[in-house]
Amino acid sequence: MNLAIGSMFFIFGLVIGSFLNVCIYRIPINKSVVYPPSSCPSCGNRIKWYDNIPVISYILLGGKCRYCKTKISFIYPSIELLTAILTVAIYIKFGLTYQTIAFLVFTYALIVGSFIDLKYYIIPDRISLGLIVVGLSLSYFLPVGIKGSFIGAISGFVILYATAVLGQLLFKKEAMGGGDIKLLSGIGAFIGLKGVLFTLFFSSFLGSIIGILLIIFGKKDLTSKLPFGPYLSLAAICYLFFGNWLIKVLYGV
């Protein structure tokens, strides 16, 4: 890795992470993500540019608003750092290519969708449907190619839709949200059928383990609703970096 270019990608990721925080906060409440400028949700004061430097401003302000001293959630700098780390990781894996641009868009959308789902139990259509459109549009530049992208998008939708219908019949209640179905279709548009199958299996495994642990520690019960989008997103990103290697290790193919 070229250290100078890697550093630029890291700084770029921090800046994008700050913007993703805005998207996560504003999209669910139907506010523009570009106007008005950011302000403190508690006191309403506009945040100055020097108080909006990713991570650094949070540290210098001691995690509090400059004006009303209300505590700022640690989730904000965490998302900025997560975005920066994944941005550099994608650059390292794919280099200065069109694939890097495509998978950065993919990853950023998954971050936004996941954190919105964690808080509101929804995945906005502009995220899930946007992934489908962008994935298919950029399919020429993706490793799966145009055909693989279309197959991935269709299979992601059909497989999870069939799972939702079967779950509805067996358990007499909604087993899978429409946002999850469209999200997996969007994921398939970027990583193809093999990626869809890996994502569905690994996300189900992760969700089951974490769900069991939450029940054991009294955080949830058997009737509690759990967002599935973050597990789909995490599994998809794992496939992006390690999927082919894991499949070879597990199945020898």
C-alpha atoms as a PDB file:
ATOM      1  CA  MET A   1       0.000   0.000   0.000  1.00  0.00           C
ATOM      2  CA  ASN A   2       1.186   3.494  -0.844  1.00  0.00           C
ATOM      3  CA  LEU A   3       1.234   5.222   2.545  1.00  0.00           C
ATOM      4  CA  ALA A   4       0.425   8.683   1.198  1.00  0.00           C
ATOM      5  CA  ILE A   5      -2.538   7.452  -0.834  1.00  0.00           C
ATOM      6  CA  GLY A   6      -3.691   5.273   2.053  1.00  0.00           C
ATOM      7  CA  SER A   7      -3.624   8.311   4.357  1.00  0.00           C
ATOM      8  CA  MET A   8      -5.705  10.268   1.858  1.00  0.00           C
ATOM      9  CA  PHE A   9      -8.250   7.459   1.748  1.00  0.00           C
ATOM     10  CA  PHE A  10      -8.360   7.422   5.554  1.00  0.00           C
ATOM     11  CA  ILE A  11      -9.016  11.170   5.752  1.00  0.00           C
ATOM     12  CA  PHE A  12     -11.579  10.862   2.966  1.00  0.00           C
ATOM     13  CA  GLY A  13     -13.268   8.060   4.925  1.00  0.00           C
ATOM     14  CA  LEU A  14     -13.445  10.223   8.048  1.00  0.00           C
ATOM     15  CA  VAL A  15     -15.127  13.021   6.108  1.00  0.00           C
ATOM     16  CA  ILE A  16     -17.575  10.611   4.473  1.00  0.00           C
ATOM     17  CA  GLY A  17     -18.253   9.051   7.878  1.00  0.00           C
ATOM     18  CA  SER A  18     -19.275  12.472   9.178  1.00  0.00           C
ATOM     19  CA  PHE A  19     -21.694  12.796   6.262  1.00  0.00           C
ATOM     20  CA  LEU A  20     -23.030   9.283   6.888  1.00  0.00           C
ATOM     21  CA  ASN A  21     -23.856  10.362  10.453  1.00  0.00           C
ATOM     22  CA  VAL A  22     -26.006  13.116   8.972  1.00  0.00           C
ATOM     23  CA  CYS A  23     -27.726  10.609   6.673  1.00  0.00           C
ATOM     24  CA  ILE A  24     -28.390   8.189   9.542  1.00  0.00           C
ATOM     25  CA  TYR A  25     -29.926  10.963  11.632  1.00  0.00           C
ATOM     26  CA  ARG A  26     -31.935  12.755   8.931  1.00  0.00           C
ATOM     27  CA  ILE A  27     -33.147  10.131   6.454  1.00  0.00           C
ATOM     28  CA  PRO A  28     -35.581   8.393   8.862  1.00  0.00           C
ATOM     29  CA  ILE A  29     -37.198  11.741   9.747  1.00  0.00           C
ATOM     30  CA  ASN A  30     -37.398  12.827   6.096  1.00  0.00           C
ATOM     31  CA  LYS A  31     -35.036  15.790   6.390  1.00  0.00           C
ATOM     32  CA  SER A  32     -32.629  16.920   3.710  1.00  0.00           C
ATOM     33  CA  VAL A  33     -29.115  15.553   4.181  1.00  0.00           C
ATOM     34  CA  VAL A  34     -27.526  18.705   2.732  1.00  0.00           C
ATOM     35  CA  TYR A  35     -29.538  21.573   4.235  1.00  0.00           C
ATOM     36  CA  PRO A  36     -29.724  23.104   6.779  1.00  0.00           C
ATOM     37  CA  PRO A  37     -26.180  22.810   8.210  1.00  0.00           C
ATOM     38  CA  SER A  38     -25.665  20.561  11.220  1.00  0.00           C
ATOM     39  CA  SER A  39     -26.877  21.802  14.599  1.00  0.00           C
ATOM     40  CA  CYS A  40     -27.031  20.453  18.135  1.00  0.00           C
ATOM     41  CA  PRO A  41     -30.242  18.405  18.525  1.00  0.00           C
ATOM     42  CA  SER A  42     -30.544  19.590  22.139  1.00  0.00           C
ATOM     43  CA  CYS A  43     -30.013  23.357  22.017  1.00  0.00           C
ATOM     44  CA  GLY A  44     -30.346  23.969  18.270  1.00  0.00           C
ATOM     45  CA  ASN A  45     -27.117  25.967  17.905  1.00  0.00           C
ATOM     46  CA  ARG A  46     -25.368  25.606  14.559  1.00  0.00           C
ATOM     47  CA  ILE A  47     -22.203  23.554  14.743  1.00  0.00           C
ATOM     48  CA  LYS A  48     -19.180  25.566  13.615  1.00  0.00           C
ATOM     49  CA  TRP A  49     -16.808  24.012  11.103  1.00  0.00           C
ATOM     50  CA  TYR A  50     -14.049  23.719  13.696  1.00  0.00           C
ATOM     51  CA  ASP A  51     -16.417  21.769  15.943  1.00  0.00           C
ATOM     52  CA  ASN A  52     -17.310  19.417  13.108  1.00  0.00           C
ATOM     53  CA  ILE A  53     -13.896  17.948  12.316  1.00  0.00           C
ATOM     54  CA  PRO A  54     -14.334  14.149  12.353  1.00  0.00           C
ATOM     55  CA  VAL A  55     -13.166  12.475  15.590  1.00  0.00           C
ATOM     56  CA  ILE A  56     -10.810  15.348  16.519  1.00  0.00           C
ATOM     57  CA  SER A  57     -13.590  17.788  17.444  1.00  0.00           C
ATOM     58  CA  TYR A  58     -15.288  15.114  19.537  1.00  0.00           C
ATOM     59  CA  ILE A  59     -12.076  14.604  21.518  1.00  0.00           C
ATOM     60  CA  LEU A  60     -11.341  18.326  21.919  1.00  0.00           C
ATOM     61  CA  LEU A  61     -14.908  19.034  23.094  1.00  0.00           C
ATOM     62  CA  GLY A  62     -14.789  16.157  25.553  1.00  0.00           C
ATOM     63  CA  GLY A  63     -17.746  14.538  23.837  1.00  0.00           C
ATOM     64  CA  LYS A  64     -20.080  17.439  24.678  1.00  0.00           C
ATOM     65  CA  CYS A  65     -21.818  20.279  22.840  1.00  0.00           C
ATOM     66  CA  ARG A  66     -19.808  23.508  23.066  1.00  0.00           C
ATOM     67  CA  TYR A  67     -22.941  25.504  23.976  1.00  0.00           C
ATOM     68  CA  CYS A  68     -25.284  23.422  26.118  1.00  0.00           C
ATOM     69  CA  LYS A  69     -22.749  20.799  27.300  1.00  0.00           C
ATOM     70  CA  THR A  70     -25.121  17.983  26.378  1.00  0.00           C
ATOM     71  CA  LYS A  71     -23.257  14.711  25.943  1.00  0.00           C
ATOM     72  CA  ILE A  72     -22.624  13.674  22.338  1.00  0.00           C
ATOM     73  CA  SER A  73     -23.061   9.962  21.661  1.00  0.00           C
ATOM     74  CA  PHE A  74     -19.837   8.029  21.109  1.00  0.00           C
ATOM     75  CA  ILE A  75     -21.569   6.422  18.138  1.00  0.00           C
ATOM     76  CA  TYR A  76     -20.743   9.483  15.976  1.00  0.00           C
ATOM     77  CA  PRO A  77     -16.926   9.237  16.081  1.00  0.00           C
ATOM     78  CA  SER A  78     -17.261   5.437  15.991  1.00  0.00           C
ATOM     79  CA  ILE A  79     -19.071   5.600  12.645  1.00  0.00           C
ATOM     80  CA  GLU A  80     -16.457   8.036  11.333  1.00  0.00           C
ATOM     81  CA  LEU A  81     -13.620   5.701  12.325  1.00  0.00           C
ATOM     82  CA  LEU A  82     -15.435   2.625  10.998  1.00  0.00           C
ATOM     83  CA  THR A  83     -15.992   4.351   7.661  1.00  0.00           C
ATOM     84  CA  ALA A  84     -12.355   5.443   7.458  1.00  0.00           C
ATOM     85  CA  ILE A  85     -11.036   1.954   8.256  1.00  0.00           C
ATOM     86  CA  LEU A  86     -13.297   0.276   5.691  1.00  0.00           C
ATOM     87  CA  THR A  87     -12.381   2.918   3.105  1.00  0.00           C
ATOM     88  CA  VAL A  88      -8.675   2.139   3.498  1.00  0.00           C
ATOM     89  CA  ALA A  89      -9.358  -1.613   3.526  1.00  0.00           C
ATOM     90  CA  ILE A  90     -11.227  -1.395   0.217  1.00  0.00           C
ATOM     91  CA  TYR A  91      -8.404   0.653  -1.297  1.00  0.00           C
ATOM     92  CA  ILE A  92      -5.871  -1.966  -0.139  1.00  0.00           C
ATOM     93  CA  LYS A  93      -7.903  -4.823  -1.619  1.00  0.00           C
ATOM     94  CA  PHE A  94      -8.967  -3.277  -4.937  1.00  0.00           C
ATOM     95  CA  GLY A  95      -6.422  -0.505  -5.518  1.00  0.00           C
ATOM     96  CA  LEU A  96      -7.070   2.587  -7.596  1.00  0.00           C
ATOM     97  CA  THR A  97      -9.783   1.003  -9.743  1.00  0.00           C
ATOM     98  CA  TYR A  98     -13.420   1.432 -10.667  1.00  0.00           C
ATOM     99  CA  GLN A  99     -14.152  -1.503  -8.363  1.00  0.00           C
ATOM    100  CA  THR A 100     -12.943   0.557  -5.422  1.00  0.00           C
ATOM    101  CA  ILE A 101     -15.423   3.309  -6.262  1.00  0.00           C
ATOM    102  CA  ALA A 102     -18.262   0.792  -6.622  1.00  0.00           C
ATOM    103  CA  PHE A 103     -17.515  -1.018  -3.388  1.00  0.00           C
ATOM    104  CA  LEU A 104     -17.071   2.228  -1.453  1.00  0.00           C
ATOM    105  CA  VAL A 105     -20.597   3.219  -2.466  1.00  0.00           C
ATOM    106  CA  PHE A 106     -21.753  -0.295  -1.515  1.00  0.00           C
ATOM    107  CA  THR A 107     -20.107  -0.153   1.904  1.00  0.00           C
ATOM    108  CA  TYR A 108     -21.283   3.361   2.731  1.00  0.00           C
ATOM    109  CA  ALA A 109     -24.879   2.435   1.906  1.00  0.00           C
ATOM    110  CA  LEU A 110     -24.656  -0.646   4.116  1.00  0.00           C
ATOM    111  CA  ILE A 111     -23.353   1.445   7.025  1.00  0.00           C
ATOM    112  CA  VAL A 112     -26.233   3.911   6.744  1.00  0.00           C
ATOM    113  CA  GLY A 113     -28.852   1.191   6.334  1.00  0.00           C
ATOM    114  CA  SER A 114     -27.505  -0.830   9.251  1.00  0.00           C
ATOM    115  CA  PHE A 115     -27.475   1.974  11.798  1.00  0.00           C
ATOM    116  CA  ILE A 116     -30.915   3.192  10.757  1.00  0.00           C
ATOM    117  CA  ASP A 117     -32.213  -0.362  11.110  1.00  0.00           C
ATOM    118  CA  LEU A 118     -30.641  -0.692  14.555  1.00  0.00           C
ATOM    119  CA  LYS A 119     -32.484   2.393  15.780  1.00  0.00           C
ATOM    120  CA  TYR A 120     -35.753   2.398  13.850  1.00  0.00           C
ATOM    121  CA  TYR A 121     -36.159  -1.204  12.630  1.00  0.00           C
ATOM    122  CA  ILE A 122     -36.499   0.009   9.050  1.00  0.00           C
ATOM    123  CA  ILE A 123     -34.298   0.083   5.974  1.00  0.00           C
ATOM    124  CA  PRO A 124     -35.269   3.068   3.808  1.00  0.00           C
ATOM    125  CA  ASP A 125     -36.006   2.348   0.151  1.00  0.00           C
ATOM    126  CA  ARG A 126     -33.502   4.964  -0.935  1.00  0.00           C
ATOM    127  CA  ILE A 127     -30.839   2.691   0.582  1.00  0.00           C
ATOM    128  CA  SER A 128     -32.064  -0.767  -0.467  1.00  0.00           C
ATOM    129  CA  LEU A 129     -33.502   0.167  -3.877  1.00  0.00           C
ATOM    130  CA  GLY A 130     -30.600   2.539  -4.411  1.00  0.00           C
ATOM    131  CA  LEU A 131     -28.182  -0.369  -3.956  1.00  0.00           C
ATOM    132  CA  ILE A 132     -30.046  -2.406  -6.560  1.00  0.00           C
ATOM    133  CA  VAL A 133     -29.982   0.415  -9.119  1.00  0.00           C
ATOM    134  CA  VAL A 134     -26.355   1.379  -8.496  1.00  0.00           C
ATOM    135  CA  GLY A 135     -25.174  -2.235  -8.391  1.00  0.00           C
ATOM    136  CA  LEU A 136     -26.789  -3.069 -11.705  1.00  0.00           C
ATOM    137  CA  SER A 137     -25.587   0.211 -13.238  1.00  0.00           C
ATOM    138  CA  LEU A 138     -21.985  -0.458 -12.211  1.00  0.00           C
ATOM    139  CA  SER A 139     -22.103  -4.200 -12.902  1.00  0.00           C
ATOM    140  CA  TYR A 140     -19.719  -3.905 -15.866  1.00  0.00           C
ATOM    141  CA  PHE A 141     -16.952  -2.901 -13.443  1.00  0.00           C
ATOM    142  CA  LEU A 142     -17.759  -5.484 -10.754  1.00  0.00           C
ATOM    143  CA  PRO A 143     -16.025  -8.878 -10.441  1.00  0.00           C
ATOM    144  CA  VAL A 144     -19.362 -10.695 -10.940  1.00  0.00           C
ATOM    145  CA  GLY A 145     -20.017  -8.931 -14.240  1.00  0.00           C
ATOM    146  CA  ILE A 146     -23.321  -7.837 -15.752  1.00  0.00           C
ATOM    147  CA  LYS A 147     -24.922 -11.302 -15.821  1.00  0.00           C
ATOM    148  CA  GLY A 148     -23.747 -12.159 -12.310  1.00  0.00           C
ATOM    149  CA  SER A 149     -25.075  -8.870 -10.979  1.00  0.00           C
ATOM    150  CA  PHE A 150     -28.550  -9.446 -12.403  1.00  0.00           C
ATOM    151  CA  ILE A 151     -28.622 -13.036 -11.157  1.00  0.00           C
ATOM    152  CA  GLY A 152     -27.453 -11.892  -7.725  1.00  0.00           C
ATOM    153  CA  ALA A 153     -30.107  -9.170  -7.475  1.00  0.00           C
ATOM    154  CA  ILE A 154     -32.918 -11.505  -8.551  1.00  0.00           C
ATOM    155  CA  SER A 155     -31.772 -14.410  -6.371  1.00  0.00           C
ATOM    156  CA  GLY A 156     -31.347 -12.162  -3.316  1.00  0.00           C
ATOM    157  CA  PHE A 157     -34.919 -10.971  -3.649  1.00  0.00           C
ATOM    158  CA  VAL A 158     -36.474 -14.354  -4.488  1.00  0.00           C
ATOM    159  CA  ILE A 159     -34.649 -16.363  -1.801  1.00  0.00           C
ATOM    160  CA  LEU A 160     -35.431 -13.990   1.050  1.00  0.00           C
ATOM    161  CA  TYR A 161     -38.982 -13.367  -0.181  1.00  0.00           C
ATOM    162  CA  ALA A 162     -39.613 -17.112  -0.218  1.00  0.00           C
ATOM    163  CA  THR A 163     -38.153 -17.339   3.287  1.00  0.00           C
ATOM    164  CA  ALA A 164     -40.471 -14.559   4.453  1.00  0.00           C
ATOM    165  CA  VAL A 165     -43.561 -16.251   2.962  1.00  0.00           C
ATOM    166  CA  LEU A 166     -42.619 -19.608   4.490  1.00  0.00           C
ATOM    167  CA  GLY A 167     -41.997 -17.977   7.874  1.00  0.00           C
ATOM    168  CA  GLN A 168     -45.354 -16.218   7.689  1.00  0.00           C
ATOM    169  CA  LEU A 169     -47.100 -19.548   7.036  1.00  0.00           C
ATOM    170  CA  LEU A 170     -45.251 -21.392   9.795  1.00  0.00           C
ATOM    171  CA  PHE A 171     -45.258 -18.772  12.555  1.00  0.00           C
ATOM    172  CA  LYS A 172     -48.386 -16.768  11.602  1.00  0.00           C
ATOM    173  CA  LYS A 173     -46.480 -13.477  11.844  1.00  0.00           C
ATOM    174  CA  GLU A 174     -44.068 -11.441   9.788  1.00  0.00           C
ATOM    175  CA  ALA A 175     -40.796 -13.358   9.644  1.00  0.00           C
ATOM    176  CA  MET A 176     -38.851 -10.973   7.415  1.00  0.00           C
ATOM    177  CA  GLY A 177     -39.301  -7.291   6.631  1.00  0.00           C
ATOM    178  CA  GLY A 178     -39.575  -5.977   3.094  1.00  0.00           C
ATOM    179  CA  GLY A 179     -36.528  -3.793   3.690  1.00  0.00           C
ATOM    180  CA  ASP A 180     -34.387  -6.859   4.399  1.00  0.00           C
ATOM    181  CA  ILE A 181     -35.583  -8.523   1.185  1.00  0.00           C
ATOM    182  CA  LYS A 182     -34.719  -5.494  -0.928  1.00  0.00           C
ATOM    183  CA  LEU A 183     -31.420  -5.060   0.904  1.00  0.00           C
ATOM    184  CA  LEU A 184     -30.302  -8.602   0.075  1.00  0.00           C
ATOM    185  CA  SER A 185     -31.295  -7.965  -3.530  1.00  0.00           C
ATOM    186  CA  GLY A 186     -29.080  -4.874  -3.512  1.00  0.00           C
ATOM    187  CA  ILE A 187     -26.257  -6.866  -1.954  1.00  0.00           C
ATOM    188  CA  GLY A 188     -26.669  -9.501  -4.669  1.00  0.00           C
ATOM    189  CA  ALA A 189     -26.367  -6.841  -7.360  1.00  0.00           C
ATOM    190  CA  PHE A 190     -22.833  -6.151  -6.096  1.00  0.00           C
ATOM    191  CA  ILE A 191     -21.539  -9.589  -5.101  1.00  0.00           C
ATOM    192  CA  GLY A 192     -23.609 -12.068  -7.101  1.00  0.00           C
ATOM    193  CA  LEU A 193     -25.337 -15.344  -6.295  1.00  0.00           C
ATOM    194  CA  LYS A 194     -22.447 -16.880  -4.380  1.00  0.00           C
ATOM    195  CA  GLY A 195     -22.265 -13.735  -2.252  1.00  0.00           C
ATOM    196  CA  VAL A 196     -26.010 -13.849  -1.611  1.00  0.00           C
ATOM    197  CA  LEU A 197     -25.843 -17.445  -0.374  1.00  0.00           C
ATOM    198  CA  PHE A 198     -22.856 -16.697   1.848  1.00  0.00           C
ATOM    199  CA  THR A 199     -24.483 -13.523   3.191  1.00  0.00           C
ATOM    200  CA  LEU A 200     -27.756 -15.265   3.997  1.00  0.00           C
ATOM    201  CA  PHE A 201     -26.056 -18.184   5.756  1.00  0.00           C
ATOM    202  CA  PHE A 202     -23.523 -16.128   7.706  1.00  0.00           C
ATOM    203  CA  SER A 203     -26.012 -13.408   8.712  1.00  0.00           C
ATOM    204  CA  SER A 204     -28.464 -16.036   9.973  1.00  0.00           C
ATOM    205  CA  PHE A 205     -25.664 -17.643  11.970  1.00  0.00           C
ATOM    206  CA  LEU A 206     -24.566 -14.314  13.457  1.00  0.00           C
ATOM    207  CA  GLY A 207     -28.131 -13.258  14.216  1.00  0.00           C
ATOM    208  CA  SER A 208     -28.867 -16.538  15.973  1.00  0.00           C
ATOM    209  CA  ILE A 209     -25.753 -16.390  18.148  1.00  0.00           C
ATOM    210  CA  ILE A 210     -26.243 -12.754  19.142  1.00  0.00           C
ATOM    211  CA  GLY A 211     -29.978 -13.266  19.698  1.00  0.00           C
ATOM    212  CA  ILE A 212     -29.301 -16.196  22.031  1.00  0.00           C
ATOM    213  CA  LEU A 213     -26.716 -14.173  23.952  1.00  0.00           C
ATOM    214  CA  LEU A 214     -29.132 -11.238  24.328  1.00  0.00           C
ATOM    215  CA  ILE A 215     -31.778 -13.586  25.717  1.00  0.00           C
ATOM    216  CA  ILE A 216     -29.298 -15.217  28.105  1.00  0.00           C
ATOM    217  CA  PHE A 217     -28.243 -11.819  29.479  1.00  0.00           C
ATOM    218  CA  GLY A 218     -31.838 -10.615  29.762  1.00  0.00           C
ATOM    219  CA  LYS A 219     -31.624  -7.905  27.102  1.00  0.00           C
ATOM    220  CA  LYS A 220     -34.261  -9.544  24.885  1.00  0.00           C
ATOM    221  CA  ASP A 221     -36.855 -12.286  25.080  1.00  0.00           C
ATOM    222  CA  LEU A 222     -38.257 -14.753  22.555  1.00  0.00           C
ATOM    223  CA  THR A 223     -40.882 -12.249  21.386  1.00  0.00           C
ATOM    224  CA  SER A 224     -38.441  -9.364  20.896  1.00  0.00           C
ATOM    225  CA  LYS A 225     -37.915  -7.926  17.438  1.00  0.00           C
ATOM    226  CA  LEU A 226     -34.352  -7.938  16.130  1.00  0.00           C
ATOM    227  CA  PRO A 227     -33.116  -5.930  13.139  1.00  0.00           C
ATOM    228  CA  PHE A 228     -31.701  -8.234  10.467  1.00  0.00           C
ATOM    229  CA  GLY A 229     -30.198  -5.556   8.221  1.00  0.00           C
ATOM    230  CA  PRO A 230     -26.987  -5.114  10.249  1.00  0.00           C
ATOM    231  CA  TYR A 231     -26.282  -8.857  10.093  1.00  0.00           C
ATOM    232  CA  LEU A 232     -26.869  -8.927   6.339  1.00  0.00           C
ATOM    233  CA  SER A 233     -24.551  -5.944   5.950  1.00  0.00           C
ATOM    234  CA  LEU A 234     -21.808  -7.383   8.152  1.00  0.00           C
ATOM    235  CA  ALA A 235     -21.974 -10.732   6.363  1.00  0.00           C
ATOM    236  CA  ALA A 236     -21.825  -9.014   2.958  1.00  0.00           C
ATOM    237  CA  ILE A 237     -18.744  -7.006   3.957  1.00  0.00           C
ATOM    238  CA  CYS A 238     -17.106 -10.167   5.317  1.00  0.00           C
ATOM    239  CA  TYR A 239     -17.752 -11.831   1.957  1.00  0.00           C
ATOM    240  CA  LEU A 240     -16.295  -8.848   0.143  1.00  0.00           C
ATOM    241  CA  PHE A 241     -12.986  -9.271   1.951  1.00  0.00           C
ATOM    242  CA  PHE A 242     -12.835 -12.937   2.938  1.00  0.00           C
ATOM    243  CA  GLY A 243     -15.703 -14.742   1.201  1.00  0.00           C
ATOM    244  CA  ASN A 244     -13.822 -16.597  -1.511  1.00  0.00           C
ATOM    245  CA  TRP A 245     -11.127 -17.671   0.951  1.00  0.00           C
ATOM    246  CA  LEU A 246     -13.711 -18.894   3.485  1.00  0.00           C
ATOM    247  CA  ILE A 247     -15.605 -20.834   0.840  1.00  0.00           C
ATOM    248  CA  LYS A 248     -12.386 -22.523  -0.274  1.00  0.00           C
ATOM    249  CA  VAL A 249     -11.491 -23.385   3.331  1.00  0.00           C
ATOM    250  CA  LEU A 250     -14.945 -24.734   4.168  1.00  0.00           C
ATOM    251  CA  TYR A 251     -15.847 -26.455   0.910  1.00  0.00           C
ATOM    252  CA  GLY A 252     -12.627 -26.760  -1.043  1.00  0.00           C
ATOM    253  CA  VAL A 253     -14.088 -25.013  -4.097  1.00  0.00           C
END
